[in-house]
Amino acid sequence: MREAMAVAARTPAGDVPVGAVVFDAAGNVVGRGVNRREANCDPTAHAEVEAIRDAARTLGTWRLDGCELVVTLEPCTMCAGAILGARVSSLVFGAWEPKTGAVGSVLDAIREPRHLHAPEVRGGVLEAETVRMLGEFFEGVRSN
């Protein structure tokens, strides 16, 4: 999670600081991503999607089985779909997202029992630190 937090610190100005890192089965970083919706004018440029794309390029396959995605914020529905589609083996996230979270907060798209693929999930990892990082961003937005 600390690696994902370090990646989040490189989020372009104006984008919500979310960082995601994909690790292969040996623990090597194979993909990184930050939230770039504003910077790229792209509604799909969430940190998770960017990290999954980077890992797929690195590994030369869209199948990320055996990989773990670590992200600072609970994934939304779109990102949950990307995680499932990429066959990511496990997901670790920091802060819960009570407004759009799709891994238990609003709904649980990842652990829907009818999916063919079910990644292992751990949420709330370094939660206080990831919440603080996001809170600092939103305090700055509100004060402007």
N, C-alpha and C. Protein backbone atom coordinates (compact mmCIF):
# COMPACT_ATOMS: atom_id res chain seq x y z
N MET A 1 0.82 -1.19 0.00
CA MET A 1 0.00 0.00 0.00
C MET A 1 0.86 1.25 0.00
N ARG A 2 1.99 1.18 0.66
CA ARG A 2 2.86 2.37 0.66
C ARG A 2 3.34 2.69 -0.76
N GLU A 3 3.58 1.67 -1.56
CA GLU A 3 3.98 1.90 -2.96
C GLU A 3 2.84 2.59 -3.71
N ALA A 4 1.60 2.16 -3.50
CA ALA A 4 0.45 2.80 -4.15
C ALA A 4 0.29 4.24 -3.68
N MET A 5 0.56 4.49 -2.41
CA MET A 5 0.48 5.86 -1.90
C MET A 5 1.55 6.75 -2.53
N ALA A 6 2.74 6.20 -2.71
CA ALA A 6 3.81 6.96 -3.36
C ALA A 6 3.44 7.26 -4.81
N VAL A 7 2.81 6.31 -5.49
CA VAL A 7 2.36 6.53 -6.86
C VAL A 7 1.27 7.60 -6.87
N ALA A 8 0.35 7.55 -5.92
CA ALA A 8 -0.74 8.55 -5.84
C ALA A 8 -0.20 9.97 -5.71
N ALA A 9 0.94 10.10 -5.05
CA ALA A 9 1.55 11.43 -4.87
C ALA A 9 1.95 12.04 -6.22
N ARG A 10 2.02 11.23 -7.26
CA ARG A 10 2.39 11.73 -8.60
C ARG A 10 1.17 12.00 -9.49
N THR A 11 -0.01 12.02 -8.88
CA THR A 11 -1.23 12.31 -9.64
C THR A 11 -1.17 13.74 -10.17
N PRO A 12 -1.55 13.96 -11.43
CA PRO A 12 -1.54 15.32 -11.97
C PRO A 12 -2.44 16.26 -11.16
N ALA A 13 -2.05 17.51 -11.10
CA ALA A 13 -2.84 18.52 -10.38
C ALA A 13 -4.26 18.54 -10.92
N GLY A 14 -5.22 18.63 -10.00
CA GLY A 14 -6.62 18.69 -10.39
C GLY A 14 -7.31 17.35 -10.38
N ASP A 15 -6.57 16.26 -10.41
CA ASP A 15 -7.15 14.93 -10.34
C ASP A 15 -7.11 14.43 -8.89
N VAL A 16 -8.11 13.65 -8.52
CA VAL A 16 -8.14 13.07 -7.17
C VAL A 16 -6.95 12.13 -7.04
N PRO A 17 -6.14 12.28 -5.98
CA PRO A 17 -4.91 11.48 -5.85
C PRO A 17 -5.17 10.03 -5.47
N VAL A 18 -5.34 9.21 -6.48
CA VAL A 18 -5.50 7.77 -6.29
C VAL A 18 -4.35 7.10 -7.01
N GLY A 19 -3.71 6.16 -6.34
CA GLY A 19 -2.61 5.43 -6.93
C GLY A 19 -2.89 3.94 -6.92
N ALA A 20 -2.44 3.25 -7.97
CA ALA A 20 -2.63 1.81 -8.08
C ALA A 20 -1.35 1.17 -8.58
N VAL A 21 -1.06 -0.01 -8.05
CA VAL A 21 0.14 -0.76 -8.43
C VAL A 21 -0.26 -2.22 -8.63
N VAL A 22 0.24 -2.82 -9.70
CA VAL A 22 0.03 -4.25 -9.95
C VAL A 22 1.35 -4.96 -9.68
N PHE A 23 1.28 -6.00 -8.85
CA PHE A 23 2.43 -6.83 -8.53
C PHE A 23 2.22 -8.20 -9.17
N ASP A 24 3.28 -8.78 -9.73
CA ASP A 24 3.17 -10.14 -10.25
C ASP A 24 3.28 -11.13 -9.10
N ALA A 25 3.20 -12.41 -9.41
CA ALA A 25 3.21 -13.45 -8.38
C ALA A 25 4.50 -13.46 -7.55
N ALA A 26 5.59 -12.96 -8.13
CA ALA A 26 6.87 -12.90 -7.42
C ALA A 26 7.03 -11.63 -6.59
N GLY A 27 6.03 -10.74 -6.65
CA GLY A 27 6.10 -9.50 -5.89
C GLY A 27 6.75 -8.35 -6.63
N ASN A 28 7.00 -8.51 -7.92
CA ASN A 28 7.59 -7.44 -8.73
C ASN A 28 6.50 -6.50 -9.23
N VAL A 29 6.80 -5.20 -9.23
CA VAL A 29 5.86 -4.23 -9.78
C VAL A 29 5.86 -4.37 -11.30
N VAL A 30 4.67 -4.60 -11.88
CA VAL A 30 4.55 -4.74 -13.33
C VAL A 30 3.64 -3.67 -13.93
N GLY A 31 2.97 -2.90 -13.07
CA GLY A 31 2.10 -1.83 -13.57
C GLY A 31 1.84 -0.79 -12.51
N ARG A 32 1.73 0.45 -12.96
CA ARG A 32 1.42 1.57 -12.07
C ARG A 32 0.41 2.46 -12.77
N GLY A 33 -0.42 3.12 -11.96
CA GLY A 33 -1.36 4.07 -12.54
C GLY A 33 -1.82 5.08 -11.52
N VAL A 34 -2.15 6.25 -12.01
CA VAL A 34 -2.76 7.29 -11.19
C VAL A 34 -4.04 7.74 -11.87
N ASN A 35 -4.88 8.39 -11.10
CA ASN A 35 -6.09 8.95 -11.65
C ASN A 35 -5.72 10.08 -12.60
N ARG A 36 -6.17 10.00 -13.86
CA ARG A 36 -5.82 11.00 -14.88
C ARG A 36 -7.05 11.46 -15.66
N ARG A 37 -8.23 11.41 -15.02
CA ARG A 37 -9.45 11.80 -15.73
C ARG A 37 -9.39 13.24 -16.21
N GLU A 38 -9.02 14.14 -15.34
CA GLU A 38 -8.94 15.56 -15.72
C GLU A 38 -7.79 15.80 -16.69
N ALA A 39 -6.63 15.26 -16.38
CA ALA A 39 -5.43 15.49 -17.21
C ALA A 39 -5.63 14.96 -18.63
N ASN A 40 -6.30 13.83 -18.78
CA ASN A 40 -6.47 13.21 -20.09
C ASN A 40 -7.83 13.48 -20.73
N CYS A 41 -8.72 14.18 -19.99
CA CYS A 41 -10.10 14.37 -20.45
C CYS A 41 -10.71 13.02 -20.82
N ASP A 42 -10.51 12.04 -19.94
CA ASP A 42 -10.91 10.66 -20.20
C ASP A 42 -11.61 10.09 -18.97
N PRO A 43 -12.91 9.84 -19.06
CA PRO A 43 -13.62 9.33 -17.90
C PRO A 43 -13.19 7.93 -17.47
N THR A 44 -12.47 7.20 -18.32
CA THR A 44 -12.01 5.86 -17.97
C THR A 44 -10.60 5.85 -17.39
N ALA A 45 -9.96 6.99 -17.29
CA ALA A 45 -8.56 7.05 -16.84
C ALA A 45 -8.46 7.03 -15.31
N HIS A 46 -9.06 6.02 -14.70
CA HIS A 46 -8.92 5.82 -13.26
C HIS A 46 -7.59 5.10 -13.00
N ALA A 47 -7.07 5.24 -11.80
CA ALA A 47 -5.77 4.66 -11.45
C ALA A 47 -5.74 3.15 -11.70
N GLU A 48 -6.81 2.45 -11.34
CA GLU A 48 -6.84 1.00 -11.52
C GLU A 48 -6.75 0.62 -12.99
N VAL A 49 -7.50 1.30 -13.84
CA VAL A 49 -7.50 1.00 -15.27
C VAL A 49 -6.12 1.30 -15.85
N GLU A 50 -5.53 2.42 -15.46
CA GLU A 50 -4.20 2.79 -15.94
C GLU A 50 -3.16 1.74 -15.52
N ALA A 51 -3.24 1.27 -14.26
CA ALA A 51 -2.29 0.26 -13.77
C ALA A 51 -2.49 -1.08 -14.48
N ILE A 52 -3.74 -1.46 -14.71
CA ILE A 52 -4.03 -2.71 -15.41
C ILE A 52 -3.49 -2.63 -16.84
N ARG A 53 -3.71 -1.52 -17.52
CA ARG A 53 -3.19 -1.35 -18.89
C ARG A 53 -1.67 -1.44 -18.90
N ASP A 54 -1.03 -0.80 -17.93
CA ASP A 54 0.44 -0.81 -17.85
C ASP A 54 0.94 -2.24 -17.60
N ALA A 55 0.29 -2.96 -16.70
CA ALA A 55 0.70 -4.34 -16.40
C ALA A 55 0.51 -5.24 -17.62
N ALA A 56 -0.58 -5.07 -18.34
CA ALA A 56 -0.83 -5.88 -19.53
C ALA A 56 0.25 -5.64 -20.58
N ARG A 57 0.65 -4.38 -20.74
CA ARG A 57 1.74 -4.07 -21.69
C ARG A 57 3.04 -4.72 -21.23
N THR A 58 3.34 -4.59 -19.94
CA THR A 58 4.58 -5.15 -19.39
C THR A 58 4.63 -6.66 -19.55
N LEU A 59 3.53 -7.32 -19.25
CA LEU A 59 3.50 -8.79 -19.29
C LEU A 59 3.18 -9.36 -20.67
N GLY A 60 2.69 -8.52 -21.56
CA GLY A 60 2.36 -8.97 -22.90
C GLY A 60 1.10 -9.82 -22.97
N THR A 61 0.21 -9.63 -22.00
CA THR A 61 -1.06 -10.36 -21.96
C THR A 61 -2.07 -9.57 -21.15
N TRP A 62 -3.34 -9.73 -21.53
CA TRP A 62 -4.40 -9.08 -20.76
C TRP A 62 -4.77 -9.89 -19.53
N ARG A 63 -4.34 -11.14 -19.48
CA ARG A 63 -4.67 -12.00 -18.34
C ARG A 63 -3.68 -11.76 -17.21
N LEU A 64 -4.17 -11.16 -16.14
CA LEU A 64 -3.30 -10.84 -15.01
C LEU A 64 -3.50 -11.82 -13.85
N ASP A 65 -3.82 -13.08 -14.19
CA ASP A 65 -3.96 -14.06 -13.12
C ASP A 65 -2.61 -14.24 -12.45
N GLY A 66 -2.65 -14.39 -11.15
CA GLY A 66 -1.43 -14.46 -10.37
C GLY A 66 -0.96 -13.09 -9.89
N CYS A 67 -1.61 -12.03 -10.38
CA CYS A 67 -1.22 -10.66 -10.00
C CYS A 67 -2.13 -10.11 -8.90
N GLU A 68 -1.56 -9.15 -8.17
CA GLU A 68 -2.31 -8.46 -7.13
C GLU A 68 -2.35 -6.98 -7.47
N LEU A 69 -3.54 -6.38 -7.39
CA LEU A 69 -3.71 -4.94 -7.59
C LEU A 69 -3.87 -4.29 -6.23
N VAL A 70 -3.04 -3.31 -5.96
CA VAL A 70 -3.11 -2.55 -4.72
C VAL A 70 -3.47 -1.12 -5.08
N VAL A 71 -4.54 -0.60 -4.50
CA VAL A 71 -5.03 0.74 -4.84
C VAL A 71 -5.42 1.47 -3.56
N THR A 72 -5.23 2.77 -3.56
CA THR A 72 -5.44 3.57 -2.36
C THR A 72 -6.91 3.81 -2.02
N LEU A 73 -7.81 3.58 -2.98
CA LEU A 73 -9.24 3.84 -2.77
C LEU A 73 -10.06 2.67 -3.30
N GLU A 74 -11.12 2.34 -2.61
CA GLU A 74 -12.03 1.27 -3.06
C GLU A 74 -12.46 1.51 -4.50
N PRO A 75 -12.32 0.53 -5.36
CA PRO A 75 -12.69 0.69 -6.76
C PRO A 75 -14.18 0.95 -6.99
N CYS A 76 -14.46 1.69 -8.06
CA CYS A 76 -15.83 1.94 -8.50
C CYS A 76 -16.30 0.76 -9.35
N THR A 77 -17.51 0.84 -9.84
CA THR A 77 -18.07 -0.25 -10.65
C THR A 77 -17.26 -0.50 -11.92
N MET A 78 -16.86 0.57 -12.61
CA MET A 78 -16.08 0.41 -13.84
C MET A 78 -14.77 -0.31 -13.54
N CYS A 79 -14.09 0.13 -12.49
CA CYS A 79 -12.80 -0.47 -12.15
C CYS A 79 -12.96 -1.91 -11.66
N ALA A 80 -14.05 -2.18 -10.94
CA ALA A 80 -14.32 -3.56 -10.52
C ALA A 80 -14.47 -4.44 -11.75
N GLY A 81 -15.15 -3.94 -12.77
CA GLY A 81 -15.31 -4.69 -14.01
C GLY A 81 -13.97 -4.94 -14.69
N ALA A 82 -13.11 -3.92 -14.69
CA ALA A 82 -11.78 -4.08 -15.30
C ALA A 82 -10.95 -5.12 -14.53
N ILE A 83 -11.05 -5.11 -13.22
CA ILE A 83 -10.33 -6.07 -12.39
C ILE A 83 -10.80 -7.50 -12.71
N LEU A 84 -12.10 -7.66 -12.81
CA LEU A 84 -12.65 -8.98 -13.16
C LEU A 84 -12.25 -9.39 -14.56
N GLY A 85 -12.35 -8.46 -15.51
CA GLY A 85 -12.02 -8.76 -16.89
C GLY A 85 -10.57 -9.13 -17.10
N ALA A 86 -9.69 -8.53 -16.29
CA ALA A 86 -8.25 -8.80 -16.40
C ALA A 86 -7.84 -10.06 -15.63
N ARG A 87 -8.77 -10.64 -14.91
CA ARG A 87 -8.50 -11.86 -14.13
C ARG A 87 -7.46 -11.63 -13.03
N VAL A 88 -7.45 -10.43 -12.45
CA VAL A 88 -6.55 -10.14 -11.33
C VAL A 88 -6.88 -11.11 -10.20
N SER A 89 -5.85 -11.68 -9.59
CA SER A 89 -6.07 -12.70 -8.56
C SER A 89 -6.45 -12.14 -7.20
N SER A 90 -5.89 -10.97 -6.87
CA SER A 90 -6.25 -10.38 -5.59
C SER A 90 -6.23 -8.86 -5.67
N LEU A 91 -7.08 -8.28 -4.84
CA LEU A 91 -7.25 -6.83 -4.76
C LEU A 91 -7.05 -6.40 -3.32
N VAL A 92 -6.25 -5.37 -3.13
CA VAL A 92 -6.05 -4.76 -1.82
C VAL A 92 -6.34 -3.28 -1.99
N PHE A 93 -7.19 -2.72 -1.12
CA PHE A 93 -7.42 -1.28 -1.20
C PHE A 93 -7.37 -0.63 0.17
N GLY A 94 -7.16 0.67 0.17
CA GLY A 94 -7.01 1.44 1.40
C GLY A 94 -8.33 1.99 1.90
N ALA A 95 -8.67 3.19 1.46
CA ALA A 95 -9.87 3.89 1.94
C ALA A 95 -11.13 3.30 1.32
N TRP A 96 -12.16 3.21 2.12
CA TRP A 96 -13.49 2.83 1.63
C TRP A 96 -14.10 4.06 0.95
N GLU A 97 -14.91 3.84 -0.08
CA GLU A 97 -15.55 4.93 -0.82
C GLU A 97 -17.07 4.80 -0.67
N PRO A 98 -17.64 5.49 0.33
CA PRO A 98 -19.06 5.30 0.63
C PRO A 98 -20.03 5.81 -0.44
N LYS A 99 -19.56 6.60 -1.39
CA LYS A 99 -20.44 7.14 -2.43
C LYS A 99 -20.45 6.31 -3.71
N THR A 100 -19.29 5.73 -4.08
CA THR A 100 -19.22 5.01 -5.35
C THR A 100 -18.52 3.65 -5.25
N GLY A 101 -18.16 3.24 -4.06
CA GLY A 101 -17.41 2.00 -3.90
C GLY A 101 -18.18 0.76 -4.33
N ALA A 102 -17.54 -0.06 -5.14
CA ALA A 102 -18.20 -1.26 -5.68
C ALA A 102 -17.56 -2.55 -5.18
N VAL A 103 -16.92 -2.46 -4.00
CA VAL A 103 -16.32 -3.65 -3.40
C VAL A 103 -16.80 -3.77 -1.95
N GLY A 104 -18.06 -3.37 -1.74
CA GLY A 104 -18.65 -3.52 -0.43
C GLY A 104 -19.36 -2.30 0.11
N SER A 105 -18.98 -1.10 -0.32
CA SER A 105 -19.61 0.10 0.24
C SER A 105 -21.01 0.34 -0.32
N VAL A 106 -21.13 0.55 -1.62
CA VAL A 106 -22.42 0.78 -2.26
C VAL A 106 -22.98 -0.54 -2.77
N LEU A 107 -22.11 -1.31 -3.40
CA LEU A 107 -22.45 -2.66 -3.86
C LEU A 107 -21.16 -3.47 -3.86
N ASP A 108 -21.29 -4.75 -4.14
CA ASP A 108 -20.10 -5.60 -4.15
C ASP A 108 -20.02 -6.33 -5.49
N ALA A 109 -19.57 -5.60 -6.50
CA ALA A 109 -19.47 -6.15 -7.84
C ALA A 109 -18.39 -7.23 -7.95
N ILE A 110 -17.35 -7.11 -7.15
CA ILE A 110 -16.24 -8.06 -7.22
C ILE A 110 -16.63 -9.45 -6.72
N ARG A 111 -17.34 -9.49 -5.61
CA ARG A 111 -17.64 -10.78 -4.99
C ARG A 111 -19.02 -11.32 -5.33
N GLU A 112 -19.63 -10.81 -6.39
CA GLU A 112 -20.90 -11.33 -6.88
C GLU A 112 -20.69 -12.82 -7.18
N PRO A 113 -21.46 -13.71 -6.57
CA PRO A 113 -21.19 -15.14 -6.69
C PRO A 113 -21.34 -15.74 -8.09
N ARG A 114 -22.00 -15.04 -9.00
CA ARG A 114 -22.20 -15.60 -10.34
C ARG A 114 -21.04 -15.33 -11.29
N HIS A 115 -20.04 -14.57 -10.86
CA HIS A 115 -18.88 -14.33 -11.72
C HIS A 115 -18.08 -15.61 -11.92
N LEU A 116 -17.45 -15.74 -13.07
CA LEU A 116 -16.59 -16.88 -13.33
C LEU A 116 -15.26 -16.77 -12.59
N HIS A 117 -14.90 -15.55 -12.22
CA HIS A 117 -13.62 -15.27 -11.59
C HIS A 117 -13.89 -14.51 -10.29
N ALA A 118 -13.25 -14.88 -9.22
CA ALA A 118 -13.46 -14.22 -7.93
C ALA A 118 -12.13 -13.92 -7.26
N PRO A 119 -11.65 -12.67 -7.40
CA PRO A 119 -10.39 -12.33 -6.74
C PRO A 119 -10.54 -12.28 -5.22
N GLU A 120 -9.44 -12.55 -4.55
CA GLU A 120 -9.38 -12.35 -3.11
C GLU A 120 -9.39 -10.85 -2.86
N VAL A 121 -10.06 -10.39 -1.79
CA VAL A 121 -10.17 -8.96 -1.52
C VAL A 121 -9.81 -8.67 -0.07
N ARG A 122 -9.00 -7.63 0.11
CA ARG A 122 -8.71 -7.09 1.44
C ARG A 122 -8.89 -5.58 1.37
N GLY A 123 -9.80 -5.05 2.17
CA GLY A 123 -10.05 -3.62 2.18
C GLY A 123 -9.65 -2.99 3.50
N GLY A 124 -9.48 -1.67 3.48
CA GLY A 124 -9.14 -0.93 4.69
C GLY A 124 -7.68 -1.02 5.09
N VAL A 125 -6.80 -1.39 4.18
CA VAL A 125 -5.37 -1.50 4.49
C VAL A 125 -4.76 -0.10 4.54
N LEU A 126 -4.14 0.24 5.65
CA LEU A 126 -3.62 1.59 5.91
C LEU A 126 -4.71 2.63 5.66
N GLU A 127 -5.90 2.29 6.10
CA GLU A 127 -7.07 3.13 5.85
C GLU A 127 -6.90 4.56 6.35
N ALA A 128 -6.44 4.74 7.57
CA ALA A 128 -6.31 6.10 8.13
C ALA A 128 -5.38 6.95 7.28
N GLU A 129 -4.30 6.36 6.80
CA GLU A 129 -3.33 7.12 5.99
C GLU A 129 -3.89 7.45 4.61
N THR A 130 -4.60 6.52 4.00
CA THR A 130 -5.16 6.79 2.68
C THR A 130 -6.30 7.79 2.78
N VAL A 131 -7.11 7.70 3.83
CA VAL A 131 -8.18 8.67 4.04
C VAL A 131 -7.58 10.06 4.25
N ARG A 132 -6.51 10.16 5.00
CA ARG A 132 -5.87 11.45 5.26
C ARG A 132 -5.36 12.06 3.95
N MET A 133 -4.74 11.25 3.10
CA MET A 133 -4.22 11.74 1.82
C MET A 133 -5.36 12.31 0.97
N LEU A 134 -6.46 11.59 0.88
CA LEU A 134 -7.60 12.06 0.09
C LEU A 134 -8.24 13.28 0.74
N GLY A 135 -8.33 13.28 2.05
CA GLY A 135 -8.91 14.42 2.77
C GLY A 135 -8.13 15.70 2.54
N GLU A 136 -6.82 15.60 2.52
CA GLU A 136 -5.99 16.78 2.27
C GLU A 136 -6.26 17.35 0.88
N PHE A 137 -6.45 16.49 -0.10
CA PHE A 137 -6.78 16.94 -1.46
C PHE A 137 -8.11 17.69 -1.45
N PHE A 138 -9.14 17.09 -0.85
CA PHE A 138 -10.46 17.71 -0.88
C PHE A 138 -10.53 18.97 -0.04
N GLU A 139 -9.74 19.07 1.02
CA GLU A 139 -9.66 20.33 1.78
C GLU A 139 -9.12 21.44 0.89
N GLY A 140 -8.11 21.12 0.08
CA GLY A 140 -7.56 22.10 -0.84
C GLY A 140 -8.56 22.52 -1.90
N VAL A 141 -9.37 21.58 -2.37
CA VAL A 141 -10.40 21.90 -3.38
C VAL A 141 -11.45 22.82 -2.79
N ARG A 142 -11.88 22.52 -1.56
CA ARG A 142 -12.92 23.34 -0.92
C ARG A 142 -12.44 24.74 -0.58
N SER A 143 -11.14 24.89 -0.30
CA SER A 143 -10.63 26.21 0.09
C SER A 143 -10.37 27.10 -1.12
N ASN A 144 -10.39 26.53 -2.32
CA ASN A 144 -10.14 27.33 -3.53
C ASN A 144 -11.41 27.92 -4.09
